[in-house]
Amino acid sequence: MNRDQSIIASICYFSVFFMPFIVPIVAYFVVDQKETKRHAVRALWSHLLPIAACCILIFGSIPFLLATQSTDSVIPVMTVFILTFIIAISFLISVIWNIIQGIKVLQTIKS
């Protein structure tokens, strides 16, 4: 992978901070090199997985929250706090993973 391709691949990972879905998709369709396309797909999946996990957790907990509707029950409140914690951790792991992968790709640039 040449210097420009490595920079594009690393930007796909760093796009977790700005336009997380648009940059990898555009890079996938614009770039011709197979290795850069692979990084774009990996970056896109790493941006999508926390969102998918968030949706599954939220929609999966709705029946549980509706079944325990009681004015003096603490379970729905604790469930919301636990879900929020799990979702925050999954997003944090995704951001850290993308930063590490972006740095690894940048380290492959030969001077």
PDB file of N, CA and C in Angstrom:
ATOM      1  N   MET A   1       0.854  -1.169   0.000  1.00  0.00           N
ATOM      2  CA  MET A   1       0.000   0.000   0.000  1.00  0.00           C
ATOM      3  C   MET A   1       0.902   1.235   0.000  1.00  0.00           C
ATOM      4  N   ASN A   2       0.634   2.169  -0.896  1.00  0.00           N
ATOM      5  CA  ASN A   2       1.452   3.377  -0.939  1.00  0.00           C
ATOM      6  C   ASN A   2       0.995   4.378   0.116  1.00  0.00           C
ATOM      7  N   ARG A   3       1.679   5.503   0.160  1.00  0.00           N
ATOM      8  CA  ARG A   3       1.438   6.500   1.207  1.00  0.00           C
ATOM      9  C   ARG A   3       0.005   7.042   1.155  1.00  0.00           C
ATOM     10  N   ASP A   4      -0.454   7.409  -0.023  1.00  0.00           N
ATOM     11  CA  ASP A   4      -1.797   7.976  -0.159  1.00  0.00           C
ATOM     12  C   ASP A   4      -2.877   6.971   0.239  1.00  0.00           C
ATOM     13  N   GLN A   5      -2.706   5.732  -0.167  1.00  0.00           N
ATOM     14  CA  GLN A   5      -3.684   4.699   0.169  1.00  0.00           C
ATOM     15  C   GLN A   5      -3.709   4.446   1.681  1.00  0.00           C
ATOM     16  N   SER A   6      -2.545   4.481   2.317  1.00  0.00           N
ATOM     17  CA  SER A   6      -2.486   4.294   3.769  1.00  0.00           C
ATOM     18  C   SER A   6      -3.188   5.431   4.494  1.00  0.00           C
ATOM     19  N   ILE A   7      -3.014   6.631   4.002  1.00  0.00           N
ATOM     20  CA  ILE A   7      -3.677   7.781   4.628  1.00  0.00           C
ATOM     21  C   ILE A   7      -5.188   7.678   4.459  1.00  0.00           C
ATOM     22  N   ILE A   8      -5.645   7.294   3.290  1.00  0.00           N
ATOM     23  CA  ILE A   8      -7.086   7.126   3.069  1.00  0.00           C
ATOM     24  C   ILE A   8      -7.645   6.034   3.977  1.00  0.00           C
ATOM     25  N   ALA A   9      -6.919   4.927   4.103  1.00  0.00           N
ATOM     26  CA  ALA A   9      -7.375   3.835   4.964  1.00  0.00           C
ATOM     27  C   ALA A   9      -7.435   4.280   6.420  1.00  0.00           C
ATOM     28  N   SER A  10      -6.454   5.042   6.870  1.00  0.00           N
ATOM     29  CA  SER A  10      -6.470   5.498   8.261  1.00  0.00           C
ATOM     30  C   SER A  10      -7.580   6.518   8.493  1.00  0.00           C
ATOM     31  N   ILE A  11      -7.869   7.350   7.490  1.00  0.00           N
ATOM     32  CA  ILE A  11      -8.971   8.309   7.622  1.00  0.00           C
ATOM     33  C   ILE A  11     -10.301   7.573   7.757  1.00  0.00           C
ATOM     34  N   CYS A  12     -10.425   6.428   7.116  1.00  0.00           N
ATOM     35  CA  CYS A  12     -11.646   5.623   7.271  1.00  0.00           C
ATOM     36  C   CYS A  12     -11.843   5.232   8.732  1.00  0.00           C
ATOM     37  N   TYR A  13     -10.764   4.858   9.400  1.00  0.00           N
ATOM     38  CA  TYR A  13     -10.867   4.500  10.816  1.00  0.00           C
ATOM     39  C   TYR A  13     -11.087   5.733  11.688  1.00  0.00           C
ATOM     40  N   PHE A  14     -10.371   6.818  11.406  1.00  0.00           N
ATOM     41  CA  PHE A  14     -10.497   8.031  12.216  1.00  0.00           C
ATOM     42  C   PHE A  14     -11.816   8.757  11.973  1.00  0.00           C
ATOM     43  N   SER A  15     -12.555   8.357  10.955  1.00  0.00           N
ATOM     44  CA  SER A  15     -13.837   9.007  10.684  1.00  0.00           C
ATOM     45  C   SER A  15     -14.884   8.677  11.741  1.00  0.00           C
ATOM     46  N   VAL A  16     -14.525   7.867  12.720  1.00  0.00           N
ATOM     47  CA  VAL A  16     -15.432   7.608  13.834  1.00  0.00           C
ATOM     48  C   VAL A  16     -15.752   8.924  14.558  1.00  0.00           C
ATOM     49  N   PHE A  17     -14.873   9.923  14.413  1.00  0.00           N
ATOM     50  CA  PHE A  17     -15.094  11.226  15.038  1.00  0.00           C
ATOM     51  C   PHE A  17     -15.882  12.181  14.151  1.00  0.00           C
ATOM     52  N   PHE A  18     -15.917  11.926  12.853  1.00  0.00           N
ATOM     53  CA  PHE A  18     -16.627  12.802  11.919  1.00  0.00           C
ATOM     54  C   PHE A  18     -17.141  11.951  10.761  1.00  0.00           C
ATOM     55  N   MET A  19     -18.395  12.040  10.469  1.00  0.00           N
ATOM     56  CA  MET A  19     -19.032  11.289   9.374  1.00  0.00           C
ATOM     57  C   MET A  19     -18.649   9.806   9.369  1.00  0.00           C
ATOM     58  N   PRO A  20     -19.007   9.058  10.399  1.00  0.00           N
ATOM     59  CA  PRO A  20     -18.537   7.678  10.520  1.00  0.00           C
ATOM     60  C   PRO A  20     -19.017   6.726   9.433  1.00  0.00           C
ATOM     61  N   PHE A  21     -20.101   7.007   8.776  1.00  0.00           N
ATOM     62  CA  PHE A  21     -20.594   6.089   7.752  1.00  0.00           C
ATOM     63  C   PHE A  21     -20.234   6.561   6.349  1.00  0.00           C
ATOM     64  N   ILE A  22     -20.198   7.852   6.155  1.00  0.00           N
ATOM     65  CA  ILE A  22     -19.990   8.398   4.814  1.00  0.00           C
ATOM     66  C   ILE A  22     -18.567   8.165   4.319  1.00  0.00           C
ATOM     67  N   VAL A  23     -17.574   8.434   5.155  1.00  0.00           N
ATOM     68  CA  VAL A  23     -16.174   8.334   4.715  1.00  0.00           C
ATOM     69  C   VAL A  23     -15.804   6.911   4.278  1.00  0.00           C
ATOM     70  N   PRO A  24     -16.092   5.863   5.071  1.00  0.00           N
ATOM     71  CA  PRO A  24     -15.736   4.522   4.589  1.00  0.00           C
ATOM     72  C   PRO A  24     -16.482   4.105   3.320  1.00  0.00           C
ATOM     73  N   ILE A  25     -17.740   4.505   3.197  1.00  0.00           N
ATOM     74  CA  ILE A  25     -18.506   4.150   1.998  1.00  0.00           C
ATOM     75  C   ILE A  25     -17.928   4.847   0.771  1.00  0.00           C
ATOM     76  N   VAL A  26     -17.637   6.140   0.894  1.00  0.00           N
ATOM     77  CA  VAL A  26     -17.051   6.878  -0.228  1.00  0.00           C
ATOM     78  C   VAL A  26     -15.685   6.299  -0.583  1.00  0.00           C
ATOM     79  N   ALA A  27     -14.872   6.007   0.426  1.00  0.00           N
ATOM     80  CA  ALA A  27     -13.542   5.441   0.164  1.00  0.00           C
ATOM     81  C   ALA A  27     -13.658   4.093  -0.534  1.00  0.00           C
ATOM     82  N   TYR A  28     -14.631   3.300  -0.145  1.00  0.00           N
ATOM     83  CA  TYR A  28     -14.804   1.987  -0.764  1.00  0.00           C
ATOM     84  C   TYR A  28     -15.095   2.106  -2.259  1.00  0.00           C
ATOM     85  N   PHE A  29     -15.947   3.052  -2.623  1.00  0.00           N
ATOM     86  CA  PHE A  29     -16.335   3.170  -4.027  1.00  0.00           C
ATOM     87  C   PHE A  29     -15.362   4.002  -4.861  1.00  0.00           C
ATOM     88  N   VAL A  30     -14.568   4.852  -4.236  1.00  0.00           N
ATOM     89  CA  VAL A  30     -13.659   5.718  -4.984  1.00  0.00           C
ATOM     90  C   VAL A  30     -12.298   5.069  -5.204  1.00  0.00           C
ATOM     91  N   VAL A  31     -11.795   4.370  -4.196  1.00  0.00           N
ATOM     92  CA  VAL A  31     -10.438   3.816  -4.255  1.00  0.00           C
ATOM     93  C   VAL A  31     -10.450   2.503  -5.030  1.00  0.00           C
ATOM     94  N   ASP A  32      -9.393   2.275  -5.793  1.00  0.00           N
ATOM     95  CA  ASP A  32      -9.291   1.056  -6.596  1.00  0.00           C
ATOM     96  C   ASP A  32      -8.502  -0.059  -5.918  1.00  0.00           C
ATOM     97  N   GLN A  33      -7.648   0.293  -4.963  1.00  0.00           N
ATOM     98  CA  GLN A  33      -6.779  -0.716  -4.363  1.00  0.00           C
ATOM     99  C   GLN A  33      -7.553  -1.610  -3.391  1.00  0.00           C
ATOM    100  N   LYS A  34      -7.318  -2.904  -3.513  1.00  0.00           N
ATOM    101  CA  LYS A  34      -8.048  -3.907  -2.741  1.00  0.00           C
ATOM    102  C   LYS A  34      -7.808  -3.773  -1.233  1.00  0.00           C
ATOM    103  N   GLU A  35      -6.574  -3.506  -0.844  1.00  0.00           N
ATOM    104  CA  GLU A  35      -6.231  -3.396   0.579  1.00  0.00           C
ATOM    105  C   GLU A  35      -6.941  -2.208   1.235  1.00  0.00           C
ATOM    106  N   THR A  36      -7.012  -1.095   0.548  1.00  0.00           N
ATOM    107  CA  THR A  36      -7.699   0.081   1.086  1.00  0.00           C
ATOM    108  C   THR A  36      -9.198  -0.171   1.183  1.00  0.00           C
ATOM    109  N   LYS A  37      -9.758  -0.879   0.206  1.00  0.00           N
ATOM    110  CA  LYS A  37     -11.178  -1.238   0.274  1.00  0.00           C
ATOM    111  C   LYS A  37     -11.453  -2.132   1.476  1.00  0.00           C
ATOM    112  N   ARG A  38     -10.522  -3.043   1.768  1.00  0.00           N
ATOM    113  CA  ARG A  38     -10.680  -3.923   2.923  1.00  0.00           C
ATOM    114  C   ARG A  38     -10.707  -3.107   4.218  1.00  0.00           C
ATOM    115  N   HIS A  39      -9.830  -2.114   4.315  1.00  0.00           N
ATOM    116  CA  HIS A  39      -9.822  -1.253   5.500  1.00  0.00           C
ATOM    117  C   HIS A  39     -11.106  -0.425   5.583  1.00  0.00           C
ATOM    118  N   ALA A  40     -11.619   0.025   4.450  1.00  0.00           N
ATOM    119  CA  ALA A  40     -12.858   0.805   4.447  1.00  0.00           C
ATOM    120  C   ALA A  40     -14.030  -0.040   4.944  1.00  0.00           C
ATOM    121  N   VAL A  41     -14.087  -1.292   4.518  1.00  0.00           N
ATOM    122  CA  VAL A  41     -15.165  -2.187   4.966  1.00  0.00           C
ATOM    123  C   VAL A  41     -15.031  -2.475   6.459  1.00  0.00           C
ATOM    124  N   ARG A  42     -13.808  -2.734   6.912  1.00  0.00           N
ATOM    125  CA  ARG A  42     -13.592  -2.987   8.346  1.00  0.00           C
ATOM    126  C   ARG A  42     -13.981  -1.770   9.177  1.00  0.00           C
ATOM    127  N   ALA A  43     -13.634  -0.577   8.699  1.00  0.00           N
ATOM    128  CA  ALA A  43     -13.984   0.645   9.418  1.00  0.00           C
ATOM    129  C   ALA A  43     -15.498   0.831   9.458  1.00  0.00           C
ATOM    130  N   LEU A  44     -16.154   0.569   8.340  1.00  0.00           N
ATOM    131  CA  LEU A  44     -17.610   0.708   8.301  1.00  0.00           C
ATOM    132  C   LEU A  44     -18.273  -0.255   9.278  1.00  0.00           C
ATOM    133  N   TRP A  45     -17.829  -1.513   9.288  1.00  0.00           N
ATOM    134  CA  TRP A  45     -18.400  -2.482  10.223  1.00  0.00           C
ATOM    135  C   TRP A  45     -18.140  -2.080  11.672  1.00  0.00           C
ATOM    136  N   SER A  46     -16.960  -1.544  11.942  1.00  0.00           N
ATOM    137  CA  SER A  46     -16.664  -1.147  13.321  1.00  0.00           C
ATOM    138  C   SER A  46     -17.475   0.072  13.741  1.00  0.00           C
ATOM    139  N   HIS A  47     -17.963   0.854  12.779  1.00  0.00           N
ATOM    140  CA  HIS A  47     -18.856   1.963  13.099  1.00  0.00           C
ATOM    141  C   HIS A  47     -20.297   1.479  13.261  1.00  0.00           C
ATOM    142  N   LEU A  48     -20.663   0.438  12.528  1.00  0.00           N
ATOM    143  CA  LEU A  48     -22.044  -0.055  12.551  1.00  0.00           C
ATOM    144  C   LEU A  48     -22.352  -0.977  13.733  1.00  0.00           C
ATOM    145  N   LEU A  49     -21.383  -1.755  14.167  1.00  0.00           N
ATOM    146  CA  LEU A  49     -21.644  -2.744  15.219  1.00  0.00           C
ATOM    147  C   LEU A  49     -22.154  -2.137  16.527  1.00  0.00           C
ATOM    148  N   PRO A  50     -21.592  -1.042  17.042  1.00  0.00           N
ATOM    149  CA  PRO A  50     -22.164  -0.473  18.270  1.00  0.00           C
ATOM    150  C   PRO A  50     -23.588   0.040  18.077  1.00  0.00           C
ATOM    151  N   ILE A  51     -23.880   0.582  16.898  1.00  0.00           N
ATOM    152  CA  ILE A  51     -25.238   1.055  16.619  1.00  0.00           C
ATOM    153  C   ILE A  51     -26.209  -0.124  16.604  1.00  0.00           C
ATOM    154  N   ALA A  52     -25.810  -1.212  15.957  1.00  0.00           N
ATOM    155  CA  ALA A  52     -26.656  -2.407  15.914  1.00  0.00           C
ATOM    156  C   ALA A  52     -26.854  -2.981  17.310  1.00  0.00           C
ATOM    157  N   ALA A  53     -25.793  -3.032  18.097  1.00  0.00           N
ATOM    158  CA  ALA A  53     -25.907  -3.539  19.470  1.00  0.00           C
ATOM    159  C   ALA A  53     -26.825  -2.650  20.296  1.00  0.00           C
ATOM    160  N   CYS A  54     -26.732  -1.360  20.084  1.00  0.00           N
ATOM    161  CA  CYS A  54     -27.594  -0.411  20.795  1.00  0.00           C
ATOM    162  C   CYS A  54     -29.062  -0.657  20.450  1.00  0.00           C
ATOM    163  N   CYS A  55     -29.363  -0.810  19.180  1.00  0.00           N
ATOM    164  CA  CYS A  55     -30.750  -1.054  18.757  1.00  0.00           C
ATOM    165  C   CYS A  55     -31.277  -2.371  19.313  1.00  0.00           C
ATOM    166  N   ILE A  56     -30.462  -3.404  19.258  1.00  0.00           N
ATOM    167  CA  ILE A  56     -30.886  -4.710  19.775  1.00  0.00           C
ATOM    168  C   ILE A  56     -31.151  -4.636  21.272  1.00  0.00           C
ATOM    169  N   LEU A  57     -30.264  -3.984  22.010  1.00  0.00           N
ATOM    170  CA  LEU A  57     -30.458  -3.869  23.458  1.00  0.00           C
ATOM    171  C   LEU A  57     -31.706  -3.064  23.798  1.00  0.00           C
ATOM    172  N   ILE A  58     -31.908  -1.961  23.102  1.00  0.00           N
ATOM    173  CA  ILE A  58     -33.061  -1.112  23.411  1.00  0.00           C
ATOM    174  C   ILE A  58     -34.365  -1.816  23.053  1.00  0.00           C
ATOM    175  N   PHE A  59     -34.444  -2.346  21.828  1.00  0.00           N
ATOM    176  CA  PHE A  59     -35.686  -3.000  21.424  1.00  0.00           C
ATOM    177  C   PHE A  59     -35.903  -4.317  22.162  1.00  0.00           C
ATOM    178  N   GLY A  60     -34.844  -4.969  22.551  1.00  0.00           N
ATOM    179  CA  GLY A  60     -34.970  -6.197  23.326  1.00  0.00           C
ATOM    180  C   GLY A  60     -35.416  -5.958  24.754  1.00  0.00           C
ATOM    181  N   SER A  61     -35.151  -4.773  25.275  1.00  0.00           N
ATOM    182  CA  SER A  61     -35.527  -4.487  26.659  1.00  0.00           C
ATOM    183  C   SER A  61     -36.916  -3.864  26.782  1.00  0.00           C
ATOM    184  N   ILE A  62     -37.508  -3.445  25.682  1.00  0.00           N
ATOM    185  CA  ILE A  62     -38.832  -2.810  25.746  1.00  0.00           C
ATOM    186  C   ILE A  62     -39.884  -3.737  26.357  1.00  0.00           C
ATOM    187  N   PRO A  63     -39.985  -5.000  25.937  1.00  0.00           N
ATOM    188  CA  PRO A  63     -40.988  -5.864  26.580  1.00  0.00           C
ATOM    189  C   PRO A  63     -40.734  -6.039  28.079  1.00  0.00           C
ATOM    190  N   PHE A  64     -39.469  -6.128  28.455  1.00  0.00           N
ATOM    191  CA  PHE A  64     -39.136  -6.273  29.873  1.00  0.00           C
ATOM    192  C   PHE A  64     -39.541  -5.027  30.655  1.00  0.00           C
ATOM    193  N   LEU A  65     -39.285  -3.859  30.081  1.00  0.00           N
ATOM    194  CA  LEU A  65     -39.643  -2.618  30.758  1.00  0.00           C
ATOM    195  C   LEU A  65     -41.158  -2.446  30.843  1.00  0.00           C
ATOM    196  N   LEU A  66     -41.874  -2.844  29.802  1.00  0.00           N
ATOM    197  CA  LEU A  66     -43.332  -2.720  29.824  1.00  0.00           C
ATOM    198  C   LEU A  66     -43.965  -3.722  30.780  1.00  0.00           C
ATOM    199  N   ALA A  67     -43.355  -4.888  30.924  1.00  0.00           N
ATOM    200  CA  ALA A  67     -43.903  -5.914  31.811  1.00  0.00           C
ATOM    201  C   ALA A  67     -43.728  -5.551  33.277  1.00  0.00           C
ATOM    202  N   THR A  68     -42.762  -4.716  33.579  1.00  0.00           N
ATOM    203  CA  THR A  68     -42.495  -4.372  34.983  1.00  0.00           C
ATOM    204  C   THR A  68     -42.932  -2.957  35.311  1.00  0.00           C
ATOM    205  N   GLN A  69     -43.969  -2.477  34.620  1.00  0.00           N
ATOM    206  CA  GLN A  69     -44.445  -1.128  34.909  1.00  0.00           C
ATOM    207  C   GLN A  69     -45.167  -1.117  36.245  1.00  0.00           C
ATOM    208  N   SER A  70     -44.532  -0.501  37.182  1.00  0.00           N
ATOM    209  CA  SER A  70     -45.098  -0.349  38.513  1.00  0.00           C
ATOM    210  C   SER A  70     -44.534   0.940  39.085  1.00  0.00           C
ATOM    211  N   THR A  71     -45.328   1.645  39.828  1.00  0.00           N
ATOM    212  CA  THR A  71     -44.865   2.934  40.341  1.00  0.00           C
ATOM    213  C   THR A  71     -43.786   2.783  41.407  1.00  0.00           C
ATOM    214  N   ASP A  72     -43.785   1.681  42.125  1.00  0.00           N
ATOM    215  CA  ASP A  72     -42.795   1.519  43.188  1.00  0.00           C
ATOM    216  C   ASP A  72     -41.702   0.512  42.823  1.00  0.00           C
ATOM    217  N   SER A  73     -41.558   0.197  41.564  1.00  0.00           N
ATOM    218  CA  SER A  73     -40.543  -0.757  41.129  1.00  0.00           C
ATOM    219  C   SER A  73     -39.267  -0.028  40.707  1.00  0.00           C
ATOM    220  N   VAL A  74     -38.146  -0.553  41.142  1.00  0.00           N
ATOM    221  CA  VAL A  74     -36.847   0.024  40.811  1.00  0.00           C
ATOM    222  C   VAL A  74     -36.247  -0.658  39.583  1.00  0.00           C
ATOM    223  N   ILE A  75     -36.800  -1.787  39.185  1.00  0.00           N
ATOM    224  CA  ILE A  75     -36.228  -2.585  38.100  1.00  0.00           C
ATOM    225  C   ILE A  75     -36.155  -1.814  36.779  1.00  0.00           C
ATOM    226  N   PRO A  76     -37.204  -1.095  36.335  1.00  0.00           N
ATOM    227  CA  PRO A  76     -37.068  -0.364  35.064  1.00  0.00           C
ATOM    228  C   PRO A  76     -35.972   0.705  35.101  1.00  0.00           C
ATOM    229  N   VAL A  77     -35.844   1.377  36.220  1.00  0.00           N
ATOM    230  CA  VAL A  77     -34.818   2.414  36.336  1.00  0.00           C
ATOM    231  C   VAL A  77     -33.431   1.791  36.269  1.00  0.00           C
ATOM    232  N   MET A  78     -33.231   0.703  36.973  1.00  0.00           N
ATOM    233  CA  MET A  78     -31.935   0.023  36.950  1.00  0.00           C
ATOM    234  C   MET A  78     -31.646  -0.546  35.563  1.00  0.00           C
ATOM    235  N   THR A  79     -32.673  -1.038  34.899  1.00  0.00           N
ATOM    236  CA  THR A  79     -32.492  -1.570  33.549  1.00  0.00           C
ATOM    237  C   THR A  79     -32.010  -0.475  32.603  1.00  0.00           C
ATOM    238  N   VAL A  80     -32.587   0.702  32.697  1.00  0.00           N
ATOM    239  CA  VAL A  80     -32.172   1.817  31.850  1.00  0.00           C
ATOM    240  C   VAL A  80     -30.723   2.202  32.148  1.00  0.00           C
ATOM    241  N   PHE A  81     -30.354   2.252  33.422  1.00  0.00           N
ATOM    242  CA  PHE A  81     -28.971   2.585  33.776  1.00  0.00           C
ATOM    243  C   PHE A  81     -27.990   1.528  33.274  1.00  0.00           C
ATOM    244  N   ILE A  82     -28.340   0.272  33.411  1.00  0.00           N
ATOM    245  CA  ILE A  82     -27.460  -0.810  32.948  1.00  0.00           C
ATOM    246  C   ILE A  82     -27.328  -0.771  31.429  1.00  0.00           C
ATOM    247  N   LEU A  83     -28.446  -0.569  30.723  1.00  0.00           N
ATOM    248  CA  LEU A  83     -28.388  -0.476  29.260  1.00  0.00           C
ATOM    249  C   LEU A  83     -27.539   0.710  28.812  1.00  0.00           C
ATOM    250  N   THR A  84     -27.701   1.834  29.478  1.00  0.00           N
ATOM    251  CA  THR A  84     -26.900   3.011  29.146  1.00  0.00           C
ATOM    252  C   THR A  84     -25.421   2.733  29.346  1.00  0.00           C
ATOM    253  N   PHE A  85     -25.078   2.053  30.427  1.00  0.00           N
ATOM    254  CA  PHE A  85     -23.682   1.710  30.703  1.00  0.00           C
ATOM    255  C   PHE A  85     -23.127   0.767  29.634  1.00  0.00           C
ATOM    256  N   ILE A  86     -23.884  -0.259  29.280  1.00  0.00           N
ATOM    257  CA  ILE A  86     -23.430  -1.224  28.269  1.00  0.00           C
ATOM    258  C   ILE A  86     -23.251  -0.543  26.912  1.00  0.00           C
ATOM    259  N   ILE A  87     -24.186   0.313  26.541  1.00  0.00           N
ATOM    260  CA  ILE A  87     -24.094   1.017  25.262  1.00  0.00           C
ATOM    261  C   ILE A  87     -22.892   1.962  25.256  1.00  0.00           C
ATOM    262  N   ALA A  88     -22.675   2.679  26.348  1.00  0.00           N
ATOM    263  CA  ALA A  88     -21.525   3.587  26.428  1.00  0.00           C
ATOM    264  C   ALA A  88     -20.212   2.823  26.321  1.00  0.00           C
ATOM    265  N   ILE A  89     -20.122   1.675  26.980  1.00  0.00           N
ATOM    266  CA  ILE A  89     -18.907   0.860  26.910  1.00  0.00           C
ATOM    267  C   ILE A  89     -18.686   0.355  25.485  1.00  0.00           C
ATOM    268  N   SER A  90     -19.755  -0.069  24.806  1.00  0.00           N
ATOM    269  CA  SER A  90     -19.582  -0.571  23.434  1.00  0.00           C
ATOM    270  C   SER A  90     -19.110   0.538  22.495  1.00  0.00           C
ATOM    271  N   PHE A  91     -19.628   1.752  22.667  1.00  0.00           N
ATOM    272  CA  PHE A  91     -19.161   2.860  21.839  1.00  0.00           C
ATOM    273  C   PHE A  91     -17.714   3.222  22.165  1.00  0.00           C
ATOM    274  N   LEU A  92     -17.347   3.183  23.433  1.00  0.00           N
ATOM    275  CA  LEU A  92     -15.969   3.479  23.828  1.00  0.00           C
ATOM    276  C   LEU A  92     -14.996   2.455  23.250  1.00  0.00           C
ATOM    277  N   ILE A  93     -15.368   1.188  23.316  1.00  0.00           N
ATOM    278  CA  ILE A  93     -14.524   0.131  22.740  1.00  0.00           C
ATOM    279  C   ILE A  93     -14.370   0.340  21.235  1.00  0.00           C
ATOM    280  N   SER A  94     -15.447   0.710  20.567  1.00  0.00           N
ATOM    281  CA  SER A  94     -15.392   0.950  19.123  1.00  0.00           C
ATOM    282  C   SER A  94     -14.462   2.115  18.788  1.00  0.00           C
ATOM    283  N   VAL A  95     -14.551   3.191  19.544  1.00  0.00           N
ATOM    284  CA  VAL A  95     -13.692   4.352  19.289  1.00  0.00           C
ATOM    285  C   VAL A  95     -12.227   3.990  19.515  1.00  0.00           C
ATOM    286  N   ILE A  96     -11.934   3.294  20.612  1.00  0.00           N
ATOM    287  CA  ILE A  96     -10.553   2.901  20.903  1.00  0.00           C
ATOM    288  C   ILE A  96     -10.028   1.972  19.816  1.00  0.00           C
ATOM    289  N   TRP A  97     -10.838   1.000  19.395  1.00  0.00           N
ATOM    290  CA  TRP A  97     -10.408   0.064  18.352  1.00  0.00           C
ATOM    291  C   TRP A  97     -10.105   0.803  17.053  1.00  0.00           C
ATOM    292  N   ASN A  98     -10.964   1.763  16.685  1.00  0.00           N
ATOM    293  CA  ASN A  98     -10.740   2.524  15.454  1.00  0.00           C
ATOM    294  C   ASN A  98      -9.474   3.371  15.536  1.00  0.00           C
ATOM    295  N   ILE A  99      -9.205   3.955  16.684  1.00  0.00           N
ATOM    296  CA  ILE A  99      -7.975   4.738  16.846  1.00  0.00           C
ATOM    297  C   ILE A  99      -6.756   3.838  16.688  1.00  0.00           C
ATOM    298  N   ILE A 100      -6.778   2.683  17.332  1.00  0.00           N
ATOM    299  CA  ILE A 100      -5.647   1.750  17.244  1.00  0.00           C
ATOM    300  C   ILE A 100      -5.435   1.296  15.803  1.00  0.00           C
ATOM    301  N   GLN A 101      -6.510   0.937  15.118  1.00  0.00           N
ATOM    302  CA  GLN A 101      -6.380   0.484  13.732  1.00  0.00           C
ATOM    303  C   GLN A 101      -5.876   1.603  12.816  1.00  0.00           C
ATOM    304  N   GLY A 102      -6.360   2.824  13.032  1.00  0.00           N
ATOM    305  CA  GLY A 102      -5.888   3.951  12.228  1.00  0.00           C
ATOM    306  C   GLY A 102      -4.405   4.215  12.427  1.00  0.00           C
ATOM    307  N   ILE A 103      -3.939   4.102  13.667  1.00  0.00           N
ATOM    308  CA  ILE A 103      -2.511   4.288  13.951  1.00  0.00           C
ATOM    309  C   ILE A 103      -1.693   3.162  13.332  1.00  0.00           C
ATOM    310  N   LYS A 104      -2.191   1.931  13.417  1.00  0.00           N
ATOM    311  CA  LYS A 104      -1.469   0.804  12.808  1.00  0.00           C
ATOM    312  C   LYS A 104      -1.307   0.993  11.301  1.00  0.00           C
ATOM    313  N   VAL A 105      -2.354   1.475  10.651  1.00  0.00           N
ATOM    314  CA  VAL A 105      -2.274   1.699   9.207  1.00  0.00           C
ATOM    315  C   VAL A 105      -1.275   2.818   8.904  1.00  0.00           C
ATOM    316  N   LEU A 106      -1.279   3.868   9.712  1.00  0.00           N
ATOM    317  CA  LEU A 106      -0.328   4.960   9.490  1.00  0.00           C
ATOM    318  C   LEU A 106       1.113   4.510   9.711  1.00  0.00           C
ATOM    319  N   GLN A 107       1.313   3.554  10.599  1.00  0.00           N
ATOM    320  CA  GLN A 107       2.668   3.065  10.858  1.00  0.00           C
ATOM    321  C   GLN A 107       3.223   2.252   9.697  1.00  0.00           C
ATOM    322  N   THR A 108       2.378   1.822   8.795  1.00  0.00           N
ATOM    323  CA  THR A 108       2.866   1.050   7.646  1.00  0.00           C
ATOM    324  C   THR A 108       3.448   1.933   6.547  1.00  0.00           C
ATOM    325  N   ILE A 109       3.303   3.259   6.696  1.00  0.00           N
ATOM    326  CA  ILE A 109       3.842   4.174   5.680  1.00  0.00           C
ATOM    327  C   ILE A 109       5.362   4.134   5.743  1.00  0.00           C
ATOM    328  N   LYS A 110       5.959   3.896   4.603  1.00  0.00           N
ATOM    329  CA  LYS A 110       7.421   3.859   4.515  1.00  0.00           C
ATOM    330  C   LYS A 110       7.926   5.239   4.121  1.00  0.00           C
ATOM    331  N   SER A 111       8.900   5.720   4.840  1.00  0.00           N
ATOM    332  CA  SER A 111       9.448   7.062   4.567  1.00  0.00           C
ATOM    333  C   SER A 111      10.238   7.098   3.284  1.00  0.00           C
TER     334      SER A 111
END
